C-alpha atoms as a PDB file:
ATOM      1  CA  UNK A   1     -86.397 -16.715 -39.871  1.00  0.00           C
ATOM      2  CA  UNK A   2     -85.620 -17.015 -43.108  1.00  0.00           C
ATOM      3  CA  UNK A   3     -88.293 -18.094 -45.962  1.00  0.00           C
ATOM      4  CA  UNK A   4     -87.813 -21.819 -46.794  1.00  0.00           C
ATOM      5  CA  UNK A   5     -86.612 -22.368 -50.353  1.00  0.00           C
ATOM      6  CA  UNK A   6     -87.960 -25.601 -50.842  1.00  0.00           C
ATOM      7  CA  UNK A   7     -90.868 -27.064 -49.744  1.00  0.00           C
ATOM      8  CA  UNK A   8     -91.120 -31.296 -49.382  1.00  0.00           C
ATOM      9  CA  UNK A   9     -94.827 -31.756 -50.989  1.00  0.00           C
ATOM     10  CA  UNK A  10     -96.792 -34.357 -50.017  1.00  0.00           C
ATOM     11  CA  UNK A  11     -95.603 -36.688 -52.157  1.00  0.00           C
ATOM     12  CA  UNK A  12     -92.210 -36.205 -51.757  1.00  0.00           C
ATOM     13  CA  UNK A  13     -90.838 -34.016 -54.643  1.00  0.00           C
ATOM     14  CA  UNK A  14     -90.081 -30.562 -53.970  1.00  0.00           C
ATOM     15  CA  UNK A  15     -91.054 -27.139 -55.208  1.00  0.00           C
ATOM     16  CA  UNK A  16     -89.608 -23.747 -55.237  1.00  0.00           C
ATOM     17  CA  UNK A  17     -92.176 -21.020 -54.104  1.00  0.00           C
ATOM     18  CA  UNK A  18     -91.711 -17.986 -55.107  1.00  0.00           C
ATOM     19  CA  UNK A  19     -89.010 -15.578 -52.830  1.00  0.00           C
ATOM     20  CA  UNK A  20     -90.754 -12.464 -54.143  1.00  0.00           C
ATOM     21  CA  UNK A  21     -92.594  -9.866 -51.102  1.00  0.00           C
ATOM     22  CA  UNK A  22     -95.680  -9.210 -51.560  1.00  0.00           C
ATOM     23  CA  UNK A  23     -96.938  -6.763 -53.330  1.00  0.00           C
ATOM     24  CA  UNK A  24     -97.706  -3.229 -51.745  1.00  0.00           C
ATOM     25  CA  UNK A  25    -100.818  -2.535 -51.130  1.00  0.00           C
ATOM     26  CA  UNK A  26    -102.655   0.705 -50.939  1.00  0.00           C
ATOM     27  CA  UNK A  27    -104.556   1.948 -48.149  1.00  0.00           C
ATOM     28  CA  UNK A  28    -107.390   1.954 -48.119  1.00  0.00           C
ATOM     29  CA  UNK A  29    -108.195   5.484 -46.168  1.00  0.00           C
ATOM     30  CA  UNK A  30    -105.701   6.929 -47.684  1.00  0.00           C
ATOM     31  CA  UNK A  31    -105.658   8.821 -44.224  1.00  0.00           C
ATOM     32  CA  UNK A  32    -104.265   6.079 -41.735  1.00  0.00           C
ATOM     33  CA  UNK A  33    -100.614   6.108 -41.434  1.00  0.00           C
ATOM     34  CA  UNK A  34     -98.642   2.746 -41.418  1.00  0.00           C
ATOM     35  CA  UNK A  35     -96.655   1.857 -38.458  1.00  0.00           C
ATOM     36  CA  UNK A  36     -92.628   3.010 -38.982  1.00  0.00           C
ATOM     37  CA  UNK A  37     -90.754  -0.451 -39.440  1.00  0.00           C
ATOM     38  CA  UNK A  38     -88.470   0.306 -36.105  1.00  0.00           C
ATOM     39  CA  UNK A  39     -92.450   0.066 -34.715  1.00  0.00           C
ATOM     40  CA  UNK A  40     -93.621  -3.259 -35.742  1.00  0.00           C
ATOM     41  CA  UNK A  41     -90.187  -5.054 -35.523  1.00  0.00           C
ATOM     42  CA  UNK A  42     -90.319  -3.055 -31.929  1.00  0.00           C
ATOM     43  CA  UNK A  43     -93.742  -4.863 -31.070  1.00  0.00           C
ATOM     44  CA  UNK A  44     -92.076  -8.048 -32.736  1.00  0.00           C
ATOM     45  CA  UNK A  45     -89.244  -8.343 -30.132  1.00  0.00           C
ATOM     46  CA  UNK A  46     -91.691  -7.933 -27.368  1.00  0.00           C
ATOM     47  CA  UNK A  47     -93.788 -10.803 -28.361  1.00  0.00           C
ATOM     48  CA  UNK A  48     -90.548 -12.721 -28.655  1.00  0.00           C
ATOM     49  CA  UNK A  49     -89.224 -12.050 -25.742  1.00  0.00           C
ATOM     50  CA  UNK A  50     -93.098 -13.324 -23.851  1.00  0.00           C
ATOM     51  CA  UNK A  51     -93.033 -15.939 -26.307  1.00  0.00           C
ATOM     52  CA  UNK A  52     -89.864 -17.454 -27.764  1.00  0.00           C
ATOM     53  CA  UNK A  53     -90.151 -17.378 -31.844  1.00  0.00           C
ATOM     54  CA  UNK A  54     -91.644 -20.172 -32.948  1.00  0.00           C
ATOM     55  CA  UNK A  55     -90.548 -21.981 -35.768  1.00  0.00           C
ATOM     56  CA  UNK A  56     -92.436 -22.554 -39.044  1.00  0.00           C
ATOM     57  CA  UNK A  57     -92.201 -26.260 -40.224  1.00  0.00           C
ATOM     58  CA  UNK A  58     -94.214 -26.575 -43.484  1.00  0.00           C
ATOM     59  CA  UNK A  59     -95.432 -29.753 -44.032  1.00  0.00           C
ATOM     60  CA  UNK A  60     -96.264 -29.568 -47.689  1.00  0.00           C
ATOM     61  CA  UNK A  61    -100.493 -30.905 -47.666  1.00  0.00           C
ATOM     62  CA  UNK A  62    -102.106 -27.859 -49.110  1.00  0.00           C
ATOM     63  CA  UNK A  63    -105.500 -30.319 -49.228  1.00  0.00           C
ATOM     64  CA  UNK A  64    -105.937 -32.190 -45.295  1.00  0.00           C
ATOM     65  CA  UNK A  65    -104.911 -27.403 -44.335  1.00  0.00           C
ATOM     66  CA  UNK A  66    -107.380 -26.362 -46.630  1.00  0.00           C
ATOM     67  CA  UNK A  67    -109.562 -29.254 -44.807  1.00  0.00           C
ATOM     68  CA  UNK A  68    -108.398 -28.917 -41.486  1.00  0.00           C
ATOM     69  CA  UNK A  69    -109.358 -24.578 -41.769  1.00  0.00           C
ATOM     70  CA  UNK A  70    -112.321 -26.123 -42.885  1.00  0.00           C
ATOM     71  CA  UNK A  71    -112.916 -28.278 -39.923  1.00  0.00           C
ATOM     72  CA  UNK A  72    -111.410 -24.982 -37.641  1.00  0.00           C
ATOM     73  CA  UNK A  73    -114.830 -22.499 -38.594  1.00  0.00           C
ATOM     74  CA  UNK A  74    -116.604 -21.793 -35.231  1.00  0.00           C
ATOM     75  CA  UNK A  75    -114.694 -24.241 -33.230  1.00  0.00           C
ATOM     76  CA  UNK A  76    -112.015 -24.906 -31.522  1.00  0.00           C
ATOM     77  CA  UNK A  77    -108.916 -26.783 -32.108  1.00  0.00           C
ATOM     78  CA  UNK A  78    -109.255 -29.990 -29.774  1.00  0.00           C
ATOM     79  CA  UNK A  79    -112.687 -30.090 -31.900  1.00  0.00           C
ATOM     80  CA  UNK A  80    -111.345 -29.925 -34.931  1.00  0.00           C
ATOM     81  CA  UNK A  81    -108.348 -32.163 -34.444  1.00  0.00           C
ATOM     82  CA  UNK A  82    -110.884 -34.843 -33.347  1.00  0.00           C
ATOM     83  CA  UNK A  83    -112.724 -34.328 -36.354  1.00  0.00           C
ATOM     84  CA  UNK A  84    -109.878 -34.951 -38.626  1.00  0.00           C
ATOM     85  CA  UNK A  85    -108.741 -37.160 -37.832  1.00  0.00           C
ATOM     86  CA  UNK A  86    -111.827 -39.661 -37.487  1.00  0.00           C
ATOM     87  CA  UNK A  87    -112.718 -38.235 -41.212  1.00  0.00           C
ATOM     88  CA  UNK A  88    -109.855 -39.581 -41.947  1.00  0.00           C
ATOM     89  CA  UNK A  89    -109.734 -42.606 -40.459  1.00  0.00           C
ATOM     90  CA  UNK A  90    -113.723 -43.613 -42.165  1.00  0.00           C
ATOM     91  CA  UNK A  91    -112.399 -42.410 -45.197  1.00  0.00           C
ATOM     92  CA  UNK A  92    -108.640 -42.906 -46.081  1.00  0.00           C
ATOM     93  CA  UNK A  93    -108.484 -40.863 -49.508  1.00  0.00           C
ATOM     94  CA  UNK A  94    -109.670 -37.848 -50.129  1.00  0.00           C
ATOM     95  CA  UNK A  95    -111.482 -38.813 -53.637  1.00  0.00           C
ATOM     96  CA  UNK A  96    -113.294 -41.695 -50.868  1.00  0.00           C
ATOM     97  CA  UNK A  97    -114.544 -38.022 -49.029  1.00  0.00           C
ATOM     98  CA  UNK A  98    -115.450 -36.008 -51.957  1.00  0.00           C
ATOM     99  CA  UNK A  99    -117.581 -39.910 -53.107  1.00  0.00           C
ATOM    100  CA  UNK A 100    -119.012 -40.658 -49.546  1.00  0.00           C
ATOM    101  CA  UNK A 101    -122.823 -40.609 -48.677  1.00  0.00           C
ATOM    102  CA  UNK A 102    -122.180 -37.381 -46.843  1.00  0.00           C
ATOM    103  CA  UNK A 103    -124.262 -37.907 -43.849  1.00  0.00           C
ATOM    104  CA  UNK A 104    -121.287 -40.486 -43.161  1.00  0.00           C
ATOM    105  CA  UNK A 105    -118.621 -37.165 -43.241  1.00  0.00           C
ATOM    106  CA  UNK A 106    -121.269 -35.569 -41.421  1.00  0.00           C
ATOM    107  CA  UNK A 107    -121.750 -38.681 -39.253  1.00  0.00           C
ATOM    108  CA  UNK A 108    -117.208 -37.996 -38.493  1.00  0.00           C
ATOM    109  CA  UNK A 109    -117.087 -34.568 -38.437  1.00  0.00           C
ATOM    110  CA  UNK A 110    -118.853 -33.738 -36.555  1.00  0.00           C
ATOM    111  CA  UNK A 111    -117.366 -33.476 -33.108  1.00  0.00           C
ATOM    112  CA  UNK A 112    -115.603 -30.665 -34.392  1.00  0.00           C
ATOM    113  CA  UNK A 113    -119.252 -28.800 -34.725  1.00  0.00           C
ATOM    114  CA  UNK A 114    -121.481 -27.631 -37.748  1.00  0.00           C
ATOM    115  CA  UNK A 115    -121.343 -31.039 -39.177  1.00  0.00           C
ATOM    116  CA  UNK A 116    -123.954 -30.679 -41.578  1.00  0.00           C
ATOM    117  CA  UNK A 117    -123.186 -27.150 -43.313  1.00  0.00           C
ATOM    118  CA  UNK A 118    -119.048 -29.088 -43.196  1.00  0.00           C
ATOM    119  CA  UNK A 119    -119.568 -31.912 -44.436  1.00  0.00           C
ATOM    120  CA  UNK A 120    -120.890 -31.351 -48.240  1.00  0.00           C
ATOM    121  CA  UNK A 121    -118.757 -28.382 -48.342  1.00  0.00           C
ATOM    122  CA  UNK A 122    -115.850 -29.580 -47.274  1.00  0.00           C
ATOM    123  CA  UNK A 123    -117.213 -32.250 -50.755  1.00  0.00           C
ATOM    124  CA  UNK A 124    -117.656 -29.690 -53.130  1.00  0.00           C
ATOM    125  CA  UNK A 125    -114.273 -28.155 -52.229  1.00  0.00           C
ATOM    126  CA  UNK A 126    -112.564 -31.882 -53.277  1.00  0.00           C
ATOM    127  CA  UNK A 127    -115.161 -32.267 -56.574  1.00  0.00           C
ATOM    128  CA  UNK A 128    -113.225 -28.450 -57.858  1.00  0.00           C
ATOM    129  CA  UNK A 129    -110.179 -30.012 -57.443  1.00  0.00           C
ATOM    130  CA  UNK A 130    -110.345 -32.569 -60.119  1.00  0.00           C
ATOM    131  CA  UNK A 131    -110.845 -36.541 -61.161  1.00  0.00           C
ATOM    132  CA  UNK A 132    -107.195 -36.354 -58.491  1.00  0.00           C
ATOM    133  CA  UNK A 133    -107.394 -34.161 -55.934  1.00  0.00           C
ATOM    134  CA  UNK A 134    -104.406 -31.608 -56.285  1.00  0.00           C
ATOM    135  CA  UNK A 135    -103.407 -28.743 -54.865  1.00  0.00           C
ATOM    136  CA  UNK A 136    -100.139 -29.265 -54.553  1.00  0.00           C
ATOM    137  CA  UNK A 137     -99.713 -26.305 -58.007  1.00  0.00           C
ATOM    138  CA  UNK A 138    -100.332 -23.699 -55.786  1.00  0.00           C
ATOM    139  CA  UNK A 139     -97.013 -23.957 -54.483  1.00  0.00           C
ATOM    140  CA  UNK A 140     -95.240 -21.909 -57.559  1.00  0.00           C
ATOM    141  CA  UNK A 141     -97.731 -20.434 -58.553  1.00  0.00           C
ATOM    142  CA  UNK A 142     -98.624 -16.072 -58.770  1.00  0.00           C
ATOM    143  CA  UNK A 143    -100.310 -14.782 -54.762  1.00  0.00           C
ATOM    144  CA  UNK A 144    -102.877 -13.655 -56.240  1.00  0.00           C
ATOM    145  CA  UNK A 145    -103.153 -16.549 -58.993  1.00  0.00           C
ATOM    146  CA  UNK A 146    -103.369 -19.032 -55.476  1.00  0.00           C
ATOM    147  CA  UNK A 147    -105.491 -16.674 -53.519  1.00  0.00           C
ATOM    148  CA  UNK A 148    -108.482 -16.048 -55.467  1.00  0.00           C
ATOM    149  CA  UNK A 149    -108.618 -19.487 -56.501  1.00  0.00           C
ATOM    150  CA  UNK A 150    -108.792 -20.860 -53.421  1.00  0.00           C
ATOM    151  CA  UNK A 151    -111.529 -17.400 -52.160  1.00  0.00           C
ATOM    152  CA  UNK A 152    -113.386 -18.342 -55.237  1.00  0.00           C
ATOM    153  CA  UNK A 153    -114.353 -22.421 -53.891  1.00  0.00           C
ATOM    154  CA  UNK A 154    -117.538 -22.347 -51.755  1.00  0.00           C
ATOM    155  CA  UNK A 155    -116.936 -21.419 -48.083  1.00  0.00           C
ATOM    156  CA  UNK A 156    -112.950 -20.294 -47.992  1.00  0.00           C
ATOM    157  CA  UNK A 157    -112.182 -16.925 -47.564  1.00  0.00           C
ATOM    158  CA  UNK A 158    -109.198 -15.233 -46.867  1.00  0.00           C
ATOM    159  CA  UNK A 159    -108.135 -15.603 -43.782  1.00  0.00           C
ATOM    160  CA  UNK A 160    -108.424 -19.977 -44.781  1.00  0.00           C
ATOM    161  CA  UNK A 161    -106.678 -19.307 -48.234  1.00  0.00           C
ATOM    162  CA  UNK A 162    -103.613 -17.408 -45.801  1.00  0.00           C
ATOM    163  CA  UNK A 163    -103.312 -20.855 -43.908  1.00  0.00           C
ATOM    164  CA  UNK A 164    -103.063 -22.813 -46.414  1.00  0.00           C
ATOM    165  CA  UNK A 165    -100.522 -20.333 -48.300  1.00  0.00           C
ATOM    166  CA  UNK A 166     -98.921 -20.462 -44.904  1.00  0.00           C
ATOM    167  CA  UNK A 167     -98.706 -23.534 -43.434  1.00  0.00           C
ATOM    168  CA  UNK A 168     -98.183 -26.112 -45.877  1.00  0.00           C
ATOM    169  CA  UNK A 169     -96.072 -24.504 -48.102  1.00  0.00           C
ATOM    170  CA  UNK A 170     -94.106 -21.601 -46.379  1.00  0.00           C
ATOM    171  CA  UNK A 171     -95.464 -18.507 -48.124  1.00  0.00           C
ATOM    172  CA  UNK A 172     -95.590 -15.267 -46.220  1.00  0.00           C
ATOM    173  CA  UNK A 173     -99.349 -14.636 -45.183  1.00  0.00           C
ATOM    174  CA  UNK A 174    -100.705 -13.189 -42.156  1.00  0.00           C
ATOM    175  CA  UNK A 175    -104.075 -14.959 -41.197  1.00  0.00           C
ATOM    176  CA  UNK A 176    -106.261 -12.925 -39.462  1.00  0.00           C
ATOM    177  CA  UNK A 177    -108.550 -14.376 -37.202  1.00  0.00           C
ATOM    178  CA  UNK A 178    -109.784 -12.457 -34.380  1.00  0.00           C
ATOM    179  CA  UNK A 179    -107.179 -12.737 -32.022  1.00  0.00           C
ATOM    180  CA  UNK A 180    -104.949 -11.048 -35.163  1.00  0.00           C
ATOM    181  CA  UNK A 181    -107.307  -8.498 -35.840  1.00  0.00           C
ATOM    182  CA  UNK A 182    -108.099  -7.323 -31.826  1.00  0.00           C
ATOM    183  CA  UNK A 183    -104.444  -7.433 -30.471  1.00  0.00           C
ATOM    184  CA  UNK A 184    -103.396  -6.179 -33.921  1.00  0.00           C
ATOM    185  CA  UNK A 185    -106.462  -3.485 -34.049  1.00  0.00           C
ATOM    186  CA  UNK A 186    -105.139  -2.660 -30.023  1.00  0.00           C
ATOM    187  CA  UNK A 187    -101.182  -2.074 -31.084  1.00  0.00           C
ATOM    188  CA  UNK A 188    -102.264   0.126 -33.960  1.00  0.00           C
ATOM    189  CA  UNK A 189    -101.010  -2.374 -36.579  1.00  0.00           C
ATOM    190  CA  UNK A 190    -103.658  -1.760 -38.107  1.00  0.00           C
ATOM    191  CA  UNK A 191    -106.623   0.660 -37.790  1.00  0.00           C
ATOM    192  CA  UNK A 192    -108.926  -0.943 -35.052  1.00  0.00           C
ATOM    193  CA  UNK A 193    -112.219  -0.427 -36.822  1.00  0.00           C
ATOM    194  CA  UNK A 194    -110.260  -2.219 -40.267  1.00  0.00           C
ATOM    195  CA  UNK A 195    -112.709  -4.868 -41.723  1.00  0.00           C
ATOM    196  CA  UNK A 196    -110.386  -8.706 -41.952  1.00  0.00           C
ATOM    197  CA  UNK A 197    -109.709  -8.541 -45.448  1.00  0.00           C
ATOM    198  CA  UNK A 198    -108.446  -4.664 -44.932  1.00  0.00           C
ATOM    199  CA  UNK A 199    -106.623  -5.938 -42.021  1.00  0.00           C
ATOM    200  CA  UNK A 200    -104.768  -8.935 -44.213  1.00  0.00           C
ATOM    201  CA  UNK A 201    -103.195  -6.799 -46.648  1.00  0.00           C
ATOM    202  CA  UNK A 202    -102.503  -3.994 -43.599  1.00  0.00           C
ATOM    203  CA  UNK A 203    -100.282  -6.933 -42.465  1.00  0.00           C
ATOM    204  CA  UNK A 204     -98.602  -7.989 -45.333  1.00  0.00           C
ATOM    205  CA  UNK A 205     -97.854  -4.193 -46.161  1.00  0.00           C
ATOM    206  CA  UNK A 206     -95.548  -3.751 -42.242  1.00  0.00           C
ATOM    207  CA  UNK A 207     -95.049  -7.389 -42.213  1.00  0.00           C
ATOM    208  CA  UNK A 208     -90.740  -8.703 -43.507  1.00  0.00           C
ATOM    209  CA  UNK A 209     -91.931 -11.552 -45.176  1.00  0.00           C
ATOM    210  CA  UNK A 210     -89.667 -13.493 -42.946  1.00  0.00           C
ATOM    211  CA  UNK A 211     -91.453 -12.752 -40.108  1.00  0.00           C
ATOM    212  CA  UNK A 212     -94.854 -13.456 -41.158  1.00  0.00           C
ATOM    213  CA  UNK A 213     -95.300 -16.694 -39.359  1.00  0.00           C
ATOM    214  CA  UNK A 214     -93.715 -15.292 -36.174  1.00  0.00           C
ATOM    215  CA  UNK A 215     -95.634 -13.063 -35.961  1.00  0.00           C
ATOM    216  CA  UNK A 216     -99.129 -14.047 -36.462  1.00  0.00           C
ATOM    217  CA  UNK A 217     -98.678 -16.879 -34.592  1.00  0.00           C
ATOM    218  CA  UNK A 218     -97.082 -14.062 -31.266  1.00  0.00           C
ATOM    219  CA  UNK A 219    -100.405 -12.459 -31.916  1.00  0.00           C
ATOM    220  CA  UNK A 220    -102.321 -15.186 -31.233  1.00  0.00           C
ATOM    221  CA  UNK A 221    -100.772 -16.393 -28.449  1.00  0.00           C
ATOM    222  CA  UNK A 222    -100.714 -12.463 -26.665  1.00  0.00           C
ATOM    223  CA  UNK A 223    -104.889 -12.309 -27.764  1.00  0.00           C
ATOM    224  CA  UNK A 224    -104.899 -15.971 -26.192  1.00  0.00           C
ATOM    225  CA  UNK A 225    -102.868 -14.439 -22.782  1.00  0.00           C
ATOM    226  CA  UNK A 226    -102.815 -11.287 -21.512  1.00  0.00           C
ATOM    227  CA  UNK A 227    -105.392  -9.430 -24.529  1.00  0.00           C
ATOM    228  CA  UNK A 228    -108.670 -10.700 -24.918  1.00  0.00           C
ATOM    229  CA  UNK A 229    -111.566  -9.611 -25.177  1.00  0.00           C
ATOM    230  CA  UNK A 230    -111.526  -8.102 -22.440  1.00  0.00           C
ATOM    231  CA  UNK A 231    -108.244  -7.368 -21.545  1.00  0.00           C
ATOM    232  CA  UNK A 232    -105.583  -6.984 -19.137  1.00  0.00           C
ATOM    233  CA  UNK A 233    -103.621  -4.591 -19.513  1.00  0.00           C
ATOM    234  CA  UNK A 234    -102.061  -3.907 -15.790  1.00  0.00           C
ATOM    235  CA  UNK A 235    -100.229  -7.885 -17.128  1.00  0.00           C
ATOM    236  CA  UNK A 236     -99.653  -7.059 -20.509  1.00  0.00           C
ATOM    237  CA  UNK A 237     -96.081  -6.135 -21.355  1.00  0.00           C
ATOM    238  CA  UNK A 238     -96.961  -4.561 -24.529  1.00  0.00           C
ATOM    239  CA  UNK A 239     -99.127  -1.111 -23.153  1.00  0.00           C
ATOM    240  CA  UNK A 240     -96.242   1.377 -22.666  1.00  0.00           C
ATOM    241  CA  UNK A 241     -96.385   0.692 -26.957  1.00  0.00           C
ATOM    242  CA  UNK A 242     -99.689  -0.003 -27.213  1.00  0.00           C
ATOM    243  CA  UNK A 243    -102.398   2.881 -28.536  1.00  0.00           C
ATOM    244  CA  UNK A 244    -105.329   1.010 -26.752  1.00  0.00           C
ATOM    245  CA  UNK A 245    -103.927   1.576 -23.428  1.00  0.00           C
ATOM    246  CA  UNK A 246    -102.891   4.620 -23.840  1.00  0.00           C
ATOM    247  CA  UNK A 247    -107.114   5.601 -24.748  1.00  0.00           C
ATOM    248  CA  UNK A 248    -108.406   3.992 -22.711  1.00  0.00           C
ATOM    249  CA  UNK A 249    -106.168   5.492 -19.569  1.00  0.00           C
ATOM    250  CA  UNK A 250    -106.925   8.952 -21.207  1.00  0.00           C
ATOM    251  CA  UNK A 251    -110.331   8.310 -20.911  1.00  0.00           C
ATOM    252  CA  UNK A 252    -109.880   7.245 -17.066  1.00  0.00           C
ATOM    253  CA  UNK A 253    -108.189  10.353 -15.967  1.00  0.00           C
ATOM    254  CA  UNK A 254    -110.859  12.304 -18.125  1.00  0.00           C
ATOM    255  CA  UNK A 255    -114.363  10.332 -15.790  1.00  0.00           C
ATOM    256  CA  UNK A 256    -111.927  10.754 -12.896  1.00  0.00           C
ATOM    257  CA  UNK A 257    -112.206  14.463 -13.323  1.00  0.00           C
END
């Protein structure tokens, strides 16, 4: 799907995210051979057959995305959504969240877990965003500047920063969570032992920008449905193109021999 040319922000104004492709990143392991473009597209197409072609609809609310992603840490989507809804019901503006007693914020987000850690973190983040918290400028900022600013905020790593850029503005990023890391490593999209930071770089290097959202969502879906920590390889429609499956079959034959 084509990338959005303009995004409507929370105040009703529009912004034009940079259209250029993310810069190519040097491989951290010079011996690693990146998969060919046709292989990446074949994986994309097979996942599309299984899970459809999700369409990104950037919502234009970067602070909301940032807070939701912080709330999502070490919990599931349902608990995150309950915590976020309670927070916004109790404190309708970000200034109110920032200036409230930490104990009150903690009580509001308790369903999301780790509230004693997340509440002061959210307030500290909001305190870094000015008198009237604003992140709309990230929509048109150079990519490296946007990532550097976001990852400099307390408790914000590469995945959280990527979530803000792709879900709020439609900018091509692939947040690498545990599902993307597990499935991508098994499929050989990056080194299986690659740390998360490297996996982010590798996914961006091999994925066409217009496919970033689709591949992110469908790798997660596949990780939840089939390619679990204990994989269900016998049910997997990607096993013929999966190095992990081929190696597991080889290992099984060796044990039997």
